[in-house]
Protein backbone atom coordinates (compact mmCIF):
# COMPACT_ATOMS: atom_id res chain seq x y z
CA MET A 1 103.27 130.18 38.26
CA PHE A 2 106.14 128.14 39.11
CA HIS A 3 107.02 126.62 35.66
CA HIS A 4 106.66 129.98 34.07
CA PHE A 5 109.15 131.43 36.59
CA ARG A 6 111.54 128.71 36.13
CA ARG A 7 111.72 128.52 32.50
CA ARG A 8 112.03 132.34 32.64
CA PHE A 9 114.91 132.11 35.03
CA LEU A 10 116.72 129.22 33.13
CA CYS A 11 116.34 130.66 30.18
CA THR A 12 118.00 134.15 31.25
CA ALA A 13 120.91 131.94 33.06
CA ALA A 14 121.58 130.19 29.80
CA ALA A 15 121.75 133.26 27.77
CA ALA A 16 123.93 135.22 30.42
CA ALA A 17 126.31 131.86 29.90
CA ALA A 18 126.11 131.84 26.60
CA ALA A 19 126.99 135.61 26.42
CA ARG A 20 130.18 134.74 28.23
CA GLY A 21 131.21 131.72 25.72
CA ALA A 22 129.99 128.87 28.48
CA GLY A 23 127.62 126.39 28.38
CA PRO A 24 124.08 126.62 30.46
CA PRO A 25 124.42 125.95 34.10
CA PRO A 26 124.39 122.21 34.87
CA ILE A 27 121.06 122.37 37.02
CA ARG A 28 117.36 122.24 36.46
CA VAL A 29 114.65 123.40 39.14
CA ALA A 30 111.97 120.55 39.76
CA LEU A 31 109.89 119.51 42.74
CA THR A 32 111.10 117.30 45.21
CA GLU A 33 109.17 114.70 47.03
CA SER A 34 109.18 116.22 50.74
CA SER A 35 111.00 119.64 50.47
CA GLY A 36 108.78 121.87 47.54
CA ARG A 37 111.27 122.80 44.66
CA GLY A 38 114.99 122.12 44.45
CA VAL A 39 117.91 122.19 42.29
CA PHE A 40 119.51 118.96 40.48
CA ALA A 41 122.11 118.37 38.89
CA THR A 42 121.92 117.85 34.88
CA ARG A 43 125.32 116.38 34.66
CA PRO A 44 128.12 114.98 36.66
CA ILE A 45 129.74 117.55 38.68
CA ALA A 46 133.31 117.81 39.93
CA ALA A 47 134.16 119.04 43.33
CA GLY A 48 134.98 122.95 43.02
CA GLU A 49 132.88 123.51 40.09
CA VAL A 50 131.52 127.03 40.02
CA LEU A 51 127.78 125.98 39.31
CA HIS A 52 126.15 129.43 38.37
CA SER A 53 126.53 132.92 39.59
CA ALA A 54 123.52 135.33 40.51
CA GLN A 55 122.82 138.93 41.06
CA PRO A 56 120.47 139.57 43.98
CA LEU A 57 117.08 140.70 43.66
CA VAL A 58 117.32 142.99 46.52
CA SER A 59 120.10 143.77 48.71
CA HIS A 60 121.05 146.15 51.81
CA PRO A 61 124.22 147.12 53.70
CA SER A 62 124.58 146.56 57.32
CA PRO A 63 123.39 149.58 58.90
CA SER A 64 126.54 150.28 60.55
CA LEU A 65 128.32 149.81 57.52
CA LEU A 66 126.22 152.55 55.03
CA HIS A 67 129.56 154.74 54.91
CA GLU A 68 131.86 151.71 53.98
CA VAL A 69 129.92 149.02 51.83
CA CYS A 70 128.53 150.16 48.29
CA TYR A 71 124.36 151.16 48.65
CA SER A 72 123.92 148.96 45.46
CA CYS A 73 126.58 145.85 45.17
CA LEU A 74 127.63 145.93 49.23
CA ARG A 75 131.31 146.34 47.70
CA ARG A 76 133.77 147.21 50.57
CA LYS A 77 135.23 150.69 50.36
CA ALA A 78 138.59 150.36 49.08
CA GLY A 79 139.89 153.58 50.78
CA SER A 80 138.92 156.57 52.69
CA ASP A 81 139.41 159.36 49.86
CA GLY A 82 135.14 159.35 49.95
CA ASP A 83 134.97 159.78 46.03
CA GLY A 84 131.78 157.50 45.80
CA ASP A 85 130.39 159.05 48.60
CA ASP A 86 126.55 160.25 48.04
CA SER A 87 126.52 164.21 48.32
CA SER A 88 124.13 164.14 51.23
CA GLY A 89 126.63 161.89 53.25
CA SER A 90 124.18 159.06 53.89
CA CYS A 91 125.61 156.20 51.81
CA TYR A 92 128.47 154.95 49.43
CA PHE A 93 128.70 154.05 46.05
CA CYS A 94 131.65 152.20 44.74
CA SER A 95 131.21 153.28 41.21
CA ASP A 96 129.35 155.27 38.66
CA ALA A 97 127.41 152.17 37.18
CA CYS A 98 126.25 151.65 40.73
CA ARG A 99 125.21 155.14 41.34
CA GLU A 100 123.66 155.16 38.03
CA HIS A 101 121.84 151.65 38.80
CA SER A 102 120.45 152.83 41.94
CA GLN A 103 119.48 156.20 41.21
CA GLY A 104 115.74 155.83 40.89
CA PHE A 105 115.30 153.82 44.08
CA HIS A 106 117.98 155.85 45.93
CA GLY A 107 116.05 158.93 44.95
CA VAL A 108 112.89 157.60 46.48
CA ASP A 109 114.82 156.54 49.60
CA LYS A 110 115.90 159.93 50.08
CA LYS A 111 112.72 161.68 49.66
CA ALA A 112 111.11 159.93 52.94
CA ASP A 113 111.96 160.80 56.49
CA TRP A 114 112.63 156.88 57.97
CA SER A 115 114.04 158.20 61.40
CA LEU A 116 111.27 156.41 63.18
CA PHE A 117 111.46 153.43 61.36
CA ASP A 118 115.39 153.59 61.54
CA ASP A 119 115.33 153.83 65.29
CA HIS A 120 112.76 150.90 65.54
CA CYS A 121 114.98 148.59 63.46
CA SER A 122 118.55 149.68 65.71
CA SER A 123 116.51 149.49 69.04
CA ARG A 124 115.44 145.54 67.94
CA GLY A 125 118.71 144.72 66.07
CA LEU A 126 116.39 143.94 63.11
CA LYS A 127 117.90 144.10 59.63
CA TYR A 128 115.40 142.64 57.47
CA PRO A 129 112.86 145.31 57.32
CA HIS A 130 115.52 147.27 55.69
CA MET A 131 115.51 144.99 52.81
CA ALA A 132 111.68 145.20 53.04
CA LYS A 133 112.11 149.14 52.68
CA ARG A 134 114.64 148.89 49.81
CA LEU A 135 112.28 146.91 48.23
CA ALA A 136 109.53 148.97 48.88
CA CYS A 137 111.45 151.96 47.10
CA MET A 138 112.43 150.00 44.11
CA VAL A 139 108.91 149.03 43.56
CA ILE A 140 107.45 152.82 43.87
CA SER A 141 110.38 153.86 41.40
CA GLY A 142 109.39 150.92 38.80
CA ALA A 143 112.63 149.27 39.23
CA VAL A 144 110.95 145.99 39.72
CA SER A 145 107.65 144.87 39.92
CA ALA A 146 105.70 144.57 43.76
CA ASP A 147 105.38 140.43 43.26
CA CYS A 148 108.66 139.89 42.44
CA LEU A 149 109.17 137.80 45.19
CA HIS A 150 106.35 135.69 45.05
CA ILE A 151 108.00 132.78 43.64
CA LEU A 152 110.54 132.53 46.38
CA GLN A 153 109.56 129.89 49.40
CA PRO A 154 106.60 131.21 51.50
CA ALA A 155 106.62 132.19 55.19
CA ARG A 156 105.75 129.82 57.98
CA LEU A 157 106.29 131.84 60.63
CA HIS A 158 104.67 132.06 64.18
CA GLN A 159 102.11 134.12 65.43
CA GLY A 160 104.43 136.69 67.86
CA THR A 161 106.97 137.36 64.54
CA LEU A 162 103.69 138.33 62.42
CA THR A 163 102.45 140.54 65.55
CA GLU A 164 106.19 142.03 65.12
CA MET A 165 105.84 142.73 61.46
CA GLU A 166 102.68 144.38 61.81
CA GLU A 167 104.53 147.30 63.96
CA GLU A 168 106.82 147.62 61.57
CA PHE A 169 104.49 148.16 58.86
CA ALA A 170 102.64 150.72 60.78
CA LEU A 171 105.78 152.58 60.61
CA LEU A 172 106.44 151.90 56.76
CA ASP A 173 102.87 153.04 56.41
CA SER A 174 103.62 156.19 58.34
CA THR A 175 105.96 157.15 55.64
CA PHE A 176 104.73 155.63 52.55
CA ARG A 177 100.97 155.67 53.32
CA LYS A 178 100.68 152.48 51.14
CA ALA A 179 97.74 150.14 52.00
CA GLY A 180 97.48 146.56 52.27
CA GLU A 181 99.88 143.05 53.77
CA TRP A 182 102.47 143.76 51.29
CA TYR A 183 104.60 144.59 53.60
CA ILE A 184 104.16 141.23 56.06
CA ASN A 185 104.19 139.09 53.01
CA VAL A 186 107.51 140.61 51.63
CA LEU A 187 109.33 140.67 54.70
CA ALA A 188 108.33 137.34 55.50
CA ARG A 189 109.90 135.92 52.15
CA ILE A 190 112.71 138.11 52.76
CA ARG A 191 113.55 136.35 56.34
CA ILE A 192 112.99 132.81 54.80
CA ASN A 193 115.36 133.65 52.21
CA ALA A 194 117.70 136.26 52.54
CA PHE A 195 121.49 135.36 52.70
CA ARG A 196 123.98 137.00 54.72
CA ILE A 197 126.68 138.52 53.04
CA GLU A 198 130.43 137.85 54.34
CA LEU A 199 132.66 139.02 51.79
CA VAL A 200 136.04 136.95 50.99
CA ALA A 201 139.01 139.13 52.15
CA SER A 202 141.27 140.30 49.10
CA SER A 203 144.43 140.45 51.08
CA TYR A 204 146.16 139.45 53.87
CA GLU A 205 145.65 142.61 55.71
CA ASP A 206 142.02 142.58 54.95
CA LEU A 207 141.88 139.05 56.02
CA LEU A 208 143.29 140.41 59.59
CA SER A 209 140.75 143.29 59.54
CA SER A 210 137.88 141.32 59.23
CA ALA A 211 139.10 138.86 61.89
CA VAL A 212 139.09 141.73 64.25
CA ALA A 213 136.03 143.25 63.16
CA SER A 214 134.29 140.03 63.42
CA VAL A 215 134.82 139.69 67.23
CA ALA A 216 133.86 143.58 67.74
CA CYS A 217 130.84 143.21 65.47
CA ASP A 218 128.73 141.76 62.93
CA ALA A 219 131.14 140.59 60.12
CA ALA A 220 128.57 140.35 57.51
CA VAL A 221 128.44 143.74 55.36
CA GLY A 222 124.88 143.26 54.19
CA ASN A 223 121.89 140.95 53.28
CA ALA A 224 120.72 139.61 50.23
CA VAL A 225 118.04 137.77 48.33
CA TYR A 226 118.37 136.21 44.96
CA MET A 227 116.19 134.03 42.65
CA LEU A 228 117.60 130.61 42.14
CA PRO A 229 120.08 130.71 45.12
CA SER A 230 116.77 130.48 46.96
CA PHE A 231 115.64 127.25 45.49
CA TYR A 232 118.18 125.26 46.91
CA ASN A 233 116.90 123.14 49.67
CA HIS A 234 118.86 122.78 53.18
CA ASP A 235 121.44 120.02 54.17
CA CYS A 236 123.68 119.86 57.33
CA ASP A 237 126.21 117.97 55.34
CA PRO A 238 125.51 120.20 52.04
CA ASN A 239 127.17 119.13 48.85
CA THR A 240 127.25 122.91 47.42
CA HIS A 241 128.03 126.36 48.79
CA ILE A 242 127.42 129.90 48.00
CA VAL A 243 130.54 132.09 48.11
CA TRP A 244 130.76 136.06 47.51
CA LEU A 245 134.40 137.33 46.57
CA ALA A 246 134.16 141.30 46.66
CA SER A 247 130.37 142.18 46.27
CA ALA A 248 126.74 140.63 46.03
CA TYR A 249 127.59 138.88 43.06
CA ALA A 250 127.03 135.04 44.42
CA ARG A 251 128.45 132.16 43.16
CA LEU A 252 127.42 128.56 43.57
CA LYS A 253 130.30 126.09 44.09
CA ALA A 254 130.10 122.13 44.42
CA LEU A 255 131.69 121.02 47.43
CA ARG A 256 132.29 117.41 46.19
CA ASN A 257 131.70 115.17 43.27
CA ILE A 258 127.87 115.19 42.27
CA GLU A 259 126.36 112.62 40.19
CA GLU A 260 123.58 113.52 37.67
CA GLY A 261 120.27 113.83 38.91
CA GLU A 262 121.60 114.48 42.46
CA GLU A 263 119.97 117.11 44.36
CA LEU A 264 121.96 120.11 45.18
CA ARG A 265 121.83 121.34 48.75
CA ILE A 266 123.24 124.20 50.62
CA CYS A 267 123.39 124.75 54.56
CA TYR A 268 121.24 127.29 55.89
CA ILE A 269 123.17 127.82 59.04
CA ASP A 270 126.18 126.94 61.08
CA ALA A 271 126.96 123.58 60.22
CA SER A 272 129.16 123.13 63.20
CA MET A 273 126.84 123.33 65.75
CA ASP A 274 125.13 120.17 67.54
CA VAL A 275 122.00 118.64 66.21
CA ASN A 276 119.73 119.99 68.89
CA ALA A 277 120.63 123.78 68.24
CA ARG A 278 120.70 123.06 64.39
CA GLN A 279 117.00 121.69 65.00
CA ARG A 280 116.06 124.56 67.01
CA ILE A 281 117.40 127.05 64.66
CA LEU A 282 115.93 125.85 61.54
CA ALA A 283 112.56 125.36 63.17
CA ASP A 284 112.35 128.86 64.50
CA GLY A 285 113.81 130.71 61.98
CA PHE A 286 112.92 128.58 58.80
CA GLY A 287 109.67 126.75 60.00
CA PHE A 288 111.02 123.27 59.12
CA GLU A 289 112.17 119.99 60.96
CA CYS A 290 115.59 118.70 58.99
CA ARG A 291 115.39 115.21 58.24
CA CYS A 292 118.78 115.15 56.64
CA GLN A 293 121.28 111.84 57.18
CA ARG A 294 123.36 113.98 59.35
CA CYS A 295 120.25 114.80 61.80
CA LEU A 296 118.57 111.19 61.83
CA SER A 297 121.93 110.26 62.54
CA GLY A 298 122.09 112.25 65.58
CA ASP A 299 125.33 113.84 64.60
């Protein structure tokens, strides 16, 4: 299955690059010696080079920003005229294209009463269950298949976390009445593979506003899961990073010169933390002990 998904994705990426008049991404997905799948350079890559871009498989705005961030692409609202607001007032669309893209699963979302589910997530400060809910709506509407995340990193979570997921599934089940452990499997993969989306400011005024907002609350506009970016392994001294400019459309860029055959790695967490804090967060949140050169040196 891994080889099938790898071929399918890379063929899609190459076709998209060809349509833009560019060559295929200078990368390949392969198995590493100790970290499962990884992404490798197929040629020398210069510092600052954009390796490839990616659309999310599933994304969701931060719950507190549903009126300020696009329901579909997570683009911030440009003004306060409300032209893109949904007629129910429950969310915001930045364009007709995003509204049309989301029409099917947004319709499923609107038909259900999520009050108990949303209250549960709000009281506990949870964000990933909203993404699992979004994916459930996408599956029911026919936008994606139920197994679309199965190729991603499987979960290695402690029993306490799994028990919490069962409570959330009960609330989801009370709305959808869908049986099985689909929710737990999906939410576990989302927890492991989701990226926190923090958009780069488009102006000096936006930069100041973002700085003020980040002090008062969570600066992220939402979260998203991607296919190829999720194959990148972690390093506390990465050679690659992921950036977002105005929406959830992601770009992977080289941080330094990279040799052909070198594995491309990103940092999953705040790299400025000390080694003990990094190790604890990676073990609890991602289920592995980091053995990168920086951690082995005690830095």
